Amino acid sequence: ELVAWAGGLAILVAVPVGVVLSRPAFRLFSEAVMQVFN
């Protein structure tokens, strides 16, 4: 249950964030934002 909640929420958040960061308008800031998740 813990893994399902944490993993499911991570997928719901991380995939859209990765998509947004890959867009040309956000690529300049992508590495800086990635360090926050790091």
Full PDB file with SEQRES, HELIX, SHEET, SSBOND, CRYST1, ORIGX, SCALE, CONECT and MASTER records, all heavy atoms in Angstrom:
SEQRES   1 A   38  GLU LEU VAL ALA TRP ALA GLY GLY LEU ALA ILE LEU VAL          
SEQRES   2 A   38  ALA VAL PRO VAL GLY VAL VAL LEU SER ARG PRO ALA PHE          
SEQRES   3 A   38  ARG LEU PHE SER GLU ALA VAL MET GLN VAL PHE ASN              
HELIX    1 AA1 LEU A    2  SER A   22  1                                  21    
HELIX    2 AA2 ARG A   27  PHE A   29  5                                   3    
HELIX    3 AA3 SER A   30  PHE A   37  1                                   8    
CRYST1    1.000    1.000    1.000  90.00  90.00  90.00 P 1           1          
ORIGX1      1.000000  0.000000  0.000000        0.00000                         
ORIGX2      0.000000  1.000000  0.000000        0.00000                         
ORIGX3      0.000000  0.000000  1.000000        0.00000                         
SCALE1      1.000000  0.000000  0.000000        0.00000                         
SCALE2      0.000000  1.000000  0.000000        0.00000                         
SCALE3      0.000000  0.000000  1.000000        0.00000                         
ATOM      1  N   GLU A   1       0.829  -1.207   0.000  1.00  0.00           N  
ATOM      2  CA  GLU A   1       0.000   0.000   0.000  1.00  0.00           C  
ATOM      3  C   GLU A   1       0.864   1.257   0.000  1.00  0.00           C  
ATOM      4  O   GLU A   1       0.589   2.218  -0.734  1.00  0.00           O  
ATOM      5  CB  GLU A   1      -0.932  -0.006   1.215  1.00  0.00           C  
ATOM      6  CG  GLU A   1      -2.065  -1.016   1.117  1.00  0.00           C  
ATOM      7  CD  GLU A   1      -2.912  -1.060   2.371  1.00  0.00           C  
ATOM      8  OE1 GLU A   1      -2.511  -0.412   3.380  1.00  0.00           O  
ATOM      9  OE2 GLU A   1      -3.964  -1.724   2.357  1.00  0.00           O  
ATOM     10  N   LEU A   2       1.906   1.267   0.821  1.00  0.00           N  
ATOM     11  CA  LEU A   2       2.811   2.417   0.864  1.00  0.00           C  
ATOM     12  C   LEU A   2       3.494   2.627  -0.486  1.00  0.00           C  
ATOM     13  O   LEU A   2       3.586   3.756  -0.989  1.00  0.00           O  
ATOM     14  CB  LEU A   2       3.866   2.215   1.953  1.00  0.00           C  
ATOM     15  CG  LEU A   2       3.362   2.268   3.406  1.00  0.00           C  
ATOM     16  CD1 LEU A   2       4.434   1.730   4.348  1.00  0.00           C  
ATOM     17  CD2 LEU A   2       2.995   3.696   3.784  1.00  0.00           C  
ATOM     18  N   VAL A   3       3.964   1.539  -1.083  1.00  0.00           N  
ATOM     19  CA  VAL A   3       4.632   1.632  -2.383  1.00  0.00           C  
ATOM     20  C   VAL A   3       3.659   2.083  -3.463  1.00  0.00           C  
ATOM     21  O   VAL A   3       4.002   2.907  -4.324  1.00  0.00           O  
ATOM     22  CB  VAL A   3       5.269   0.272  -2.748  1.00  0.00           C  
ATOM     23  CG1 VAL A   3       5.775   0.280  -4.190  1.00  0.00           C  
ATOM     24  CG2 VAL A   3       6.407  -0.055  -1.796  1.00  0.00           C  
ATOM     25  N   ALA A   4       2.430   1.570  -3.413  1.00  0.00           N  
ATOM     26  CA  ALA A   4       1.434   1.944  -4.417  1.00  0.00           C  
ATOM     27  C   ALA A   4       1.097   3.433  -4.340  1.00  0.00           C  
ATOM     28  O   ALA A   4       1.026   4.122  -5.367  1.00  0.00           O  
ATOM     29  CB  ALA A   4       0.178   1.105  -4.233  1.00  0.00           C  
ATOM     30  N   TRP A   5       0.908   3.930  -3.130  1.00  0.00           N  
ATOM     31  CA  TRP A   5       0.597   5.351  -2.982  1.00  0.00           C  
ATOM     32  C   TRP A   5       1.771   6.230  -3.414  1.00  0.00           C  
ATOM     33  O   TRP A   5       1.610   7.159  -4.206  1.00  0.00           O  
ATOM     34  CB  TRP A   5       0.227   5.653  -1.530  1.00  0.00           C  
ATOM     35  CG  TRP A   5      -1.211   5.414  -1.200  1.00  0.00           C  
ATOM     36  CD1 TRP A   5      -1.727   4.387  -0.466  1.00  0.00           C  
ATOM     37  CD2 TRP A   5      -2.329   6.200  -1.614  1.00  0.00           C  
ATOM     38  NE1 TRP A   5      -3.083   4.473  -0.393  1.00  0.00           N  
ATOM     39  CE2 TRP A   5      -3.488   5.583  -1.081  1.00  0.00           C  
ATOM     40  CE3 TRP A   5      -2.470   7.352  -2.371  1.00  0.00           C  
ATOM     41  CZ2 TRP A   5      -4.770   6.091  -1.287  1.00  0.00           C  
ATOM     42  CZ3 TRP A   5      -3.745   7.866  -2.583  1.00  0.00           C  
ATOM     43  CH2 TRP A   5      -4.872   7.242  -2.044  1.00  0.00           C  
ATOM     44  N   ALA A   6       2.964   5.930  -2.889  1.00  0.00           N  
ATOM     45  CA  ALA A   6       4.129   6.753  -3.206  1.00  0.00           C  
ATOM     46  C   ALA A   6       4.501   6.645  -4.678  1.00  0.00           C  
ATOM     47  O   ALA A   6       4.745   7.657  -5.354  1.00  0.00           O  
ATOM     48  CB  ALA A   6       5.316   6.341  -2.330  1.00  0.00           C  
ATOM     49  N   GLY A   7       4.538   5.417  -5.211  1.00  0.00           N  
ATOM     50  CA  GLY A   7       4.901   5.223  -6.611  1.00  0.00           C  
ATOM     51  C   GLY A   7       3.865   5.791  -7.560  1.00  0.00           C  
ATOM     52  O   GLY A   7       4.207   6.410  -8.577  1.00  0.00           O  
ATOM     53  N   GLY A   8       2.580   5.585  -7.240  1.00  0.00           N  
ATOM     54  CA  GLY A   8       1.526   6.129  -8.100  1.00  0.00           C  
ATOM     55  C   GLY A   8       1.544   7.640  -8.156  1.00  0.00           C  
ATOM     56  O   GLY A   8       1.441   8.237  -9.239  1.00  0.00           O  
ATOM     57  N   LEU A   9       1.698   8.278  -6.996  1.00  0.00           N  
ATOM     58  CA  LEU A   9       1.777   9.745  -6.976  1.00  0.00           C  
ATOM     59  C   LEU A   9       3.026  10.246  -7.699  1.00  0.00           C  
ATOM     60  O   LEU A   9       2.988  11.287  -8.373  1.00  0.00           O  
ATOM     61  CB  LEU A   9       1.760  10.245  -5.529  1.00  0.00           C  
ATOM     62  CG  LEU A   9       0.439  10.071  -4.775  1.00  0.00           C  
ATOM     63  CD1 LEU A   9       0.607  10.441  -3.297  1.00  0.00           C  
ATOM     64  CD2 LEU A   9      -0.650  10.940  -5.410  1.00  0.00           C  
ATOM     65  N   ALA A  10       4.127   9.513  -7.554  1.00  0.00           N  
ATOM     66  CA  ALA A  10       5.359   9.912  -8.243  1.00  0.00           C  
ATOM     67  C   ALA A  10       5.181   9.866  -9.760  1.00  0.00           C  
ATOM     68  O   ALA A  10       5.628  10.761 -10.476  1.00  0.00           O  
ATOM     69  CB  ALA A  10       6.516   9.010  -7.820  1.00  0.00           C  
ATOM     70  N   ILE A  11       4.517   8.820 -10.262  1.00  0.00           N  
ATOM     71  CA  ILE A  11       4.274   8.720 -11.704  1.00  0.00           C  
ATOM     72  C   ILE A  11       3.367   9.854 -12.180  1.00  0.00           C  
ATOM     73  O   ILE A  11       3.628  10.497 -13.211  1.00  0.00           O  
ATOM     74  CB  ILE A  11       3.654   7.351 -12.043  1.00  0.00           C  
ATOM     75  CG1 ILE A  11       4.666   6.236 -11.788  1.00  0.00           C  
ATOM     76  CG2 ILE A  11       3.196   7.309 -13.508  1.00  0.00           C  
ATOM     77  CD1 ILE A  11       4.079   4.843 -11.856  1.00  0.00           C  
ATOM     78  N   LEU A  12       2.312  10.135 -11.407  1.00  0.00           N  
ATOM     79  CA  LEU A  12       1.368  11.189 -11.792  1.00  0.00           C  
ATOM     80  C   LEU A  12       2.024  12.564 -11.825  1.00  0.00           C  
ATOM     81  O   LEU A  12       1.631  13.428 -12.616  1.00  0.00           O  
ATOM     82  CB  LEU A  12       0.186  11.206 -10.820  1.00  0.00           C  
ATOM     83  CG  LEU A  12      -0.792  10.028 -10.904  1.00  0.00           C  
ATOM     84  CD1 LEU A  12      -1.854  10.133  -9.814  1.00  0.00           C  
ATOM     85  CD2 LEU A  12      -1.453   9.983 -12.279  1.00  0.00           C  
ATOM     86  N   VAL A  13       3.020  12.782 -10.981  1.00  0.00           N  
ATOM     87  CA  VAL A  13       3.698  14.082 -10.940  1.00  0.00           C  
ATOM     88  C   VAL A  13       4.889  14.115 -11.892  1.00  0.00           C  
ATOM     89  O   VAL A  13       5.079  15.081 -12.651  1.00  0.00           O  
ATOM     90  CB  VAL A  13       4.154  14.406  -9.505  1.00  0.00           C  
ATOM     91  CG1 VAL A  13       5.038  15.664  -9.486  1.00  0.00           C  
ATOM     92  CG2 VAL A  13       2.951  14.596  -8.592  1.00  0.00           C  
ATOM     93  N   ALA A  14       5.725  13.070 -11.865  1.00  0.00           N  
ATOM     94  CA  ALA A  14       7.018  13.111 -12.549  1.00  0.00           C  
ATOM     95  C   ALA A  14       6.888  13.049 -14.070  1.00  0.00           C  
ATOM     96  O   ALA A  14       7.634  13.730 -14.785  1.00  0.00           O  
ATOM     97  CB  ALA A  14       7.902  11.971 -12.061  1.00  0.00           C  
ATOM     98  N   VAL A  15       5.965  12.235 -14.585  1.00  0.00           N  
ATOM     99  CA  VAL A  15       5.836  12.134 -16.044  1.00  0.00           C  
ATOM    100  C   VAL A  15       5.406  13.471 -16.660  1.00  0.00           C  
ATOM    101  O   VAL A  15       6.033  13.937 -17.623  1.00  0.00           O  
ATOM    102  CB  VAL A  15       4.867  10.990 -16.433  1.00  0.00           C  
ATOM    103  CG1 VAL A  15       4.576  11.022 -17.929  1.00  0.00           C  
ATOM    104  CG2 VAL A  15       5.468   9.635 -16.051  1.00  0.00           C  
ATOM    105  N   PRO A  16       4.352  14.131 -16.150  1.00  0.00           N  
ATOM    106  CA  PRO A  16       4.015  15.452 -16.712  1.00  0.00           C  
ATOM    107  C   PRO A  16       5.136  16.471 -16.574  1.00  0.00           C  
ATOM    108  O   PRO A  16       5.361  17.281 -17.490  1.00  0.00           O  
ATOM    109  CB  PRO A  16       2.782  15.873 -15.891  1.00  0.00           C  
ATOM    110  CG  PRO A  16       2.182  14.603 -15.430  1.00  0.00           C  
ATOM    111  CD  PRO A  16       3.335  13.687 -15.172  1.00  0.00           C  
ATOM    112  N   VAL A  17       5.862  16.440 -15.444  1.00  0.00           N  
ATOM    113  CA  VAL A  17       6.977  17.381 -15.274  1.00  0.00           C  
ATOM    114  C   VAL A  17       8.058  17.112 -16.312  1.00  0.00           C  
ATOM    115  O   VAL A  17       8.614  18.045 -16.918  1.00  0.00           O  
ATOM    116  CB  VAL A  17       7.557  17.293 -13.851  1.00  0.00           C  
ATOM    117  CG1 VAL A  17       8.870  18.065 -13.748  1.00  0.00           C  
ATOM    118  CG2 VAL A  17       6.557  17.837 -12.843  1.00  0.00           C  
ATOM    119  N   GLY A  18       8.384  15.853 -16.532  1.00  0.00           N  
ATOM    120  CA  GLY A  18       9.372  15.510 -17.554  1.00  0.00           C  
ATOM    121  C   GLY A  18       8.939  15.945 -18.938  1.00  0.00           C  
ATOM    122  O   GLY A  18       9.758  16.406 -19.744  1.00  0.00           O  
ATOM    123  N   VAL A  19       7.643  15.808 -19.233  1.00  0.00           N  
ATOM    124  CA  VAL A  19       7.112  16.250 -20.529  1.00  0.00           C  
ATOM    125  C   VAL A  19       7.269  17.762 -20.673  1.00  0.00           C  
ATOM    126  O   VAL A  19       7.725  18.261 -21.711  1.00  0.00           O  
ATOM    127  CB  VAL A  19       5.636  15.839 -20.679  1.00  0.00           C  
ATOM    128  CG1 VAL A  19       5.022  16.492 -21.921  1.00  0.00           C  
ATOM    129  CG2 VAL A  19       5.511  14.321 -20.779  1.00  0.00           C  
ATOM    130  N   VAL A  20       6.896  18.495 -19.630  1.00  0.00           N  
ATOM    131  CA  VAL A  20       6.985  19.967 -19.687  1.00  0.00           C  
ATOM    132  C   VAL A  20       8.432  20.410 -19.861  1.00  0.00           C  
ATOM    133  O   VAL A  20       8.731  21.297 -20.674  1.00  0.00           O  
ATOM    134  CB  VAL A  20       6.378  20.586 -18.410  1.00  0.00           C  
ATOM    135  CG1 VAL A  20       6.677  22.082 -18.344  1.00  0.00           C  
ATOM    136  CG2 VAL A  20       4.875  20.362 -18.373  1.00  0.00           C  
ATOM    137  N   LEU A  21       9.351  19.798 -19.129  1.00  0.00           N  
ATOM    138  CA  LEU A  21      10.757  20.195 -19.218  1.00  0.00           C  
ATOM    139  C   LEU A  21      11.362  19.889 -20.585  1.00  0.00           C  
ATOM    140  O   LEU A  21      12.340  20.524 -20.988  1.00  0.00           O  
ATOM    141  CB  LEU A  21      11.575  19.488 -18.129  1.00  0.00           C  
ATOM    142  CG  LEU A  21      11.280  19.890 -16.681  1.00  0.00           C  
ATOM    143  CD1 LEU A  21      12.137  19.075 -15.727  1.00  0.00           C  
ATOM    144  CD2 LEU A  21      11.535  21.379 -16.465  1.00  0.00           C  
ATOM    145  N   SER A  22      10.793  18.931 -21.300  1.00  0.00           N  
ATOM    146  CA  SER A  22      11.323  18.581 -22.621  1.00  0.00           C  
ATOM    147  C   SER A  22      10.845  19.526 -23.715  1.00  0.00           C  
ATOM    148  O   SER A  22      11.354  19.469 -24.839  1.00  0.00           O  
ATOM    149  CB  SER A  22      10.918  17.146 -22.989  1.00  0.00           C  
ATOM    150  OG  SER A  22       9.519  17.061 -23.223  1.00  0.00           O  
ATOM    151  N   ARG A  23       9.875  20.382 -23.402  1.00  0.00           N  
ATOM    152  CA  ARG A  23       9.374  21.324 -24.410  1.00  0.00           C  
ATOM    153  C   ARG A  23      10.421  22.402 -24.673  1.00  0.00           C  
ATOM    154  O   ARG A  23      11.142  22.821 -23.757  1.00  0.00           O  
ATOM    155  CB  ARG A  23       8.073  21.965 -23.958  1.00  0.00           C  
ATOM    156  CG  ARG A  23       6.898  21.010 -23.670  1.00  0.00           C  
ATOM    157  CD  ARG A  23       6.549  20.149 -24.865  1.00  0.00           C  
ATOM    158  NE  ARG A  23       7.324  18.910 -24.896  1.00  0.00           N  
ATOM    159  CZ  ARG A  23       7.359  18.084 -25.934  1.00  0.00           C  
ATOM    160  NH1 ARG A  23       6.683  18.378 -27.030  1.00  0.00           N  
ATOM    161  NH2 ARG A  23       8.075  16.988 -25.886  1.00  0.00           N  
ATOM    162  N   PRO A  24      10.528  22.891 -25.915  1.00  0.00           N  
ATOM    163  CA  PRO A  24      11.559  23.878 -26.262  1.00  0.00           C  
ATOM    164  C   PRO A  24      11.549  25.111 -25.367  1.00  0.00           C  
ATOM    165  O   PRO A  24      12.615  25.655 -25.046  1.00  0.00           O  
ATOM    166  CB  PRO A  24      11.212  24.243 -27.709  1.00  0.00           C  
ATOM    167  CG  PRO A  24      10.522  23.033 -28.244  1.00  0.00           C  
ATOM    168  CD  PRO A  24       9.742  22.462 -27.090  1.00  0.00           C  
ATOM    169  N   ALA A  25      10.383  25.552 -24.930  1.00  0.00           N  
ATOM    170  CA  ALA A  25      10.299  26.775 -24.121  1.00  0.00           C  
ATOM    171  C   ALA A  25      10.904  26.594 -22.731  1.00  0.00           C  
ATOM    172  O   ALA A  25      11.280  27.585 -22.087  1.00  0.00           O  
ATOM    173  CB  ALA A  25       8.838  27.207 -23.993  1.00  0.00           C  
ATOM    174  N   PHE A  26      11.022  25.356 -22.251  1.00  0.00           N  
ATOM    175  CA  PHE A  26      11.499  25.108 -20.885  1.00  0.00           C  
ATOM    176  C   PHE A  26      12.870  24.438 -20.844  1.00  0.00           C  
ATOM    177  O   PHE A  26      13.383  24.195 -19.750  1.00  0.00           O  
ATOM    178  CB  PHE A  26      10.489  24.244 -20.128  1.00  0.00           C  
ATOM    179  CG  PHE A  26       9.168  24.909 -19.888  1.00  0.00           C  
ATOM    180  CD1 PHE A  26       8.116  24.743 -20.779  1.00  0.00           C  
ATOM    181  CD2 PHE A  26       8.967  25.720 -18.777  1.00  0.00           C  
ATOM    182  CE1 PHE A  26       6.899  25.349 -20.567  1.00  0.00           C  
ATOM    183  CE2 PHE A  26       7.753  26.332 -18.554  1.00  0.00           C  
ATOM    184  CZ  PHE A  26       6.709  26.156 -19.447  1.00  0.00           C  
ATOM    185  N   ARG A  27      13.440  24.108 -21.984  1.00  0.00           N  
ATOM    186  CA  ARG A  27      14.698  23.362 -21.985  1.00  0.00           C  
ATOM    187  C   ARG A  27      15.844  24.159 -21.358  1.00  0.00           C  
ATOM    188  O   ARG A  27      16.771  23.577 -20.797  1.00  0.00           O  
ATOM    189  CB  ARG A  27      15.061  22.965 -23.416  1.00  0.00           C  
ATOM    190  CG  ARG A  27      14.195  21.838 -23.956  1.00  0.00           C  
ATOM    191  CD  ARG A  27      14.504  21.504 -25.395  1.00  0.00           C  
ATOM    192  NE  ARG A  27      13.553  20.533 -25.921  1.00  0.00           N  
ATOM    193  CZ  ARG A  27      13.486  20.163 -27.195  1.00  0.00           C  
ATOM    194  NH1 ARG A  27      14.337  20.689 -28.083  1.00  0.00           N  
ATOM    195  NH2 ARG A  27      12.583  19.272 -27.585  1.00  0.00           N  
ATOM    196  N   LEU A  28      15.787  25.487 -21.431  1.00  0.00           N  
ATOM    197  CA  LEU A  28      16.841  26.313 -20.857  1.00  0.00           C  
ATOM    198  C   LEU A  28      16.902  26.143 -19.343  1.00  0.00           C  
ATOM    199  O   LEU A  28      17.979  26.236 -18.743  1.00  0.00           O  
ATOM    200  CB  LEU A  28      16.605  27.784 -21.220  1.00  0.00           C  
ATOM    201  CG  LEU A  28      17.662  28.788 -20.758  1.00  0.00           C  
ATOM    202  CD1 LEU A  28      19.009  28.480 -21.405  1.00  0.00           C  
ATOM    203  CD2 LEU A  28      17.233  30.210 -21.072  1.00  0.00           C  
ATOM    204  N   PHE A  29      15.750  25.873 -18.720  1.00  0.00           N  
ATOM    205  CA  PHE A  29      15.696  25.761 -17.263  1.00  0.00           C  
ATOM    206  C   PHE A  29      15.617  24.305 -16.796  1.00  0.00           C  
ATOM    207  O   PHE A  29      15.490  24.058 -15.597  1.00  0.00           O  
ATOM    208  CB  PHE A  29      14.464  26.508 -16.733  1.00  0.00           C  
ATOM    209  CG  PHE A  29      14.301  27.888 -17.297  1.00  0.00           C  
ATOM    210  CD1 PHE A  29      13.392  28.131 -18.316  1.00  0.00           C  
ATOM    211  CD2 PHE A  29      15.059  28.937 -16.816  1.00  0.00           C  
ATOM    212  CE1 PHE A  29      13.237  29.402 -18.839  1.00  0.00           C  
ATOM    213  CE2 PHE A  29      14.913  30.209 -17.327  1.00  0.00           C  
ATOM    214  CZ  PHE A  29      14.006  30.453 -18.343  1.00  0.00           C  
ATOM    215  N   SER A  30      15.677  23.361 -17.726  1.00  0.00           N  
ATOM    216  CA  SER A  30      15.410  21.963 -17.375  1.00  0.00           C  
ATOM    217  C   SER A  30      16.408  21.412 -16.359  1.00  0.00           C  
ATOM    218  O   SER A  30      16.016  20.756 -15.390  1.00  0.00           O  
ATOM    219  CB  SER A  30      15.401  21.095 -18.635  1.00  0.00           C  
ATOM    220  OG  SER A  30      16.652  21.165 -19.292  1.00  0.00           O  
ATOM    221  N   GLU A  31      17.693  21.671 -16.551  1.00  0.00           N  
ATOM    222  CA  GLU A  31      18.689  21.112 -15.637  1.00  0.00           C  
ATOM    223  C   GLU A  31      18.581  21.728 -14.250  1.00  0.00           C  
ATOM    224  O   GLU A  31      18.788  21.045 -13.242  1.00  0.00           O  
ATOM    225  CB  GLU A  31      20.096  21.318 -16.203  1.00  0.00           C  
ATOM    226  CG  GLU A  31      20.462  20.355 -17.317  1.00  0.00           C  
ATOM    227  CD  GLU A  31      20.351  18.894 -16.879  1.00  0.00           C  
ATOM    228  OE1 GLU A  31      20.705  18.584 -15.724  1.00  0.00           O  
ATOM    229  OE2 GLU A  31      19.905  18.067 -17.681  1.00  0.00           O  
ATOM    230  N   ALA A  32      18.265  23.028 -14.197  1.00  0.00           N  
ATOM    231  CA  ALA A  32      18.101  23.672 -12.890  1.00  0.00           C  
ATOM    232  C   ALA A  32      16.922  23.056 -12.135  1.00  0.00           C  
ATOM    233  O   ALA A  32      17.009  22.776 -10.929  1.00  0.00           O  
ATOM    234  CB  ALA A  32      17.886  25.175 -13.069  1.00  0.00           C  
ATOM    235  N   VAL A  33      15.818  22.818 -12.842  1.00  0.00           N  
ATOM    236  CA  VAL A  33      14.654  22.196 -12.206  1.00  0.00           C  
ATOM    237  C   VAL A  33      14.973  20.756 -11.832  1.00  0.00           C  
ATOM    238  O   VAL A  33      14.546  20.264 -10.771  1.00  0.00           O  
ATOM    239  CB  VAL A  33      13.435  22.255 -13.151  1.00  0.00           C  
ATOM    240  CG1 VAL A  33      12.253  21.511 -12.543  1.00  0.00           C  
ATOM    241  CG2 VAL A  33      13.057  23.697 -13.448  1.00  0.00           C  
ATOM    242  N   MET A  34      15.752  20.072 -12.661  1.00  0.00           N  
ATOM    243  CA  MET A  34      16.103  18.676 -12.380  1.00  0.00           C  
ATOM    244  C   MET A  34      16.887  18.557 -11.081  1.00  0.00           C  
ATOM    245  O   MET A  34      16.756  17.564 -10.349  1.00  0.00           O  
ATOM    246  CB  MET A  34      16.910  18.104 -13.541  1.00  0.00           C  
ATOM    247  CG  MET A  34      16.768  16.616 -13.722  1.00  0.00           C  
ATOM    248  SD  MET A  34      15.225  16.148 -14.520  1.00  0.00           S  
ATOM    249  CE  MET A  34      15.517  16.699 -16.202  1.00  0.00           C  
ATOM    250  N   GLN A  35      17.698  19.559 -10.777  1.00  0.00           N  
ATOM    251  CA  GLN A  35      18.476  19.526  -9.538  1.00  0.00           C  
ATOM    252  C   GLN A  35      17.586  19.606  -8.306  1.00  0.00           C  
ATOM    253  O   GLN A  35      17.947  19.103  -7.238  1.00  0.00           O  
ATOM    254  CB  GLN A  35      19.507  20.662  -9.521  1.00  0.00           C  
ATOM    255  CG  GLN A  35      20.616  20.509 -10.540  1.00  0.00           C  
ATOM    256  CD  GLN A  35      21.297  19.159 -10.466  1.00  0.00           C  
ATOM    257  OE1 GLN A  35      21.687  18.713  -9.383  1.00  0.00           O  
ATOM    258  NE2 GLN A  35      21.467  18.494 -11.602  1.00  0.00           N  
ATOM    259  N   VAL A  36      16.436  20.244  -8.445  1.00  0.00           N  
ATOM    260  CA  VAL A  36      15.480  20.275  -7.325  1.00  0.00           C  
ATOM    261  C   VAL A  36      14.997  18.861  -7.033  1.00  0.00           C  
ATOM    262  O   VAL A  36      14.924  18.435  -5.874  1.00  0.00           O  
ATOM    263  CB  VAL A  36      14.294  21.201  -7.658  1.00  0.00           C  
ATOM    264  CG1 VAL A  36      13.257  21.156  -6.551  1.00  0.00           C  
ATOM    265  CG2 VAL A  36      14.779  22.632  -7.874  1.00  0.00           C  
ATOM    266  N   PHE A  37      14.648  18.110  -8.091  1.00  0.00           N  
ATOM    267  CA  PHE A  37      14.218  16.726  -7.902  1.00  0.00           C  
ATOM    268  C   PHE A  37      15.377  15.840  -7.465  1.00  0.00           C  
ATOM    269  O   PHE A  37      15.162  14.811  -6.824  1.00  0.00           O  
ATOM    270  CB  PHE A  37      13.614  16.183  -9.195  1.00  0.00           C  
ATOM    271  CG  PHE A  37      12.309  16.810  -9.561  1.00  0.00           C  
ATOM    272  CD1 PHE A  37      12.242  17.837 -10.497  1.00  0.00           C  
ATOM    273  CD2 PHE A  37      11.131  16.398  -8.966  1.00  0.00           C  
ATOM    274  CE1 PHE A  37      11.044  18.428 -10.829  1.00  0.00           C  
ATOM    275  CE2 PHE A  37       9.915  16.976  -9.292  1.00  0.00           C  
ATOM    276  CZ  PHE A  37       9.874  17.995 -10.223  1.00  0.00           C  
ATOM    277  N   ASN A  38      16.587  16.254  -7.793  1.00  0.00           N  
ATOM    278  CA  ASN A  38      17.762  15.472  -7.425  1.00  0.00           C  
ATOM    279  C   ASN A  38      17.978  15.447  -5.918  1.00  0.00           C  
ATOM    280  O   ASN A  38      18.655  14.556  -5.397  1.00  0.00           O  
ATOM    281  CB  ASN A  38      19.000  16.037  -8.121  1.00  0.00           C  
ATOM    282  CG  ASN A  38      20.187  15.097  -8.042  1.00  0.00           C  
ATOM    283  OD1 ASN A  38      20.035  13.883  -8.109  1.00  0.00           O  
ATOM    284  ND2 ASN A  38      21.370  15.655  -7.871  1.00  0.00           N  
TER     285      ASN A  38                                                      
MASTER        0    0    0    3    0    0    0    6  284    1    0    3          
END                                                                             
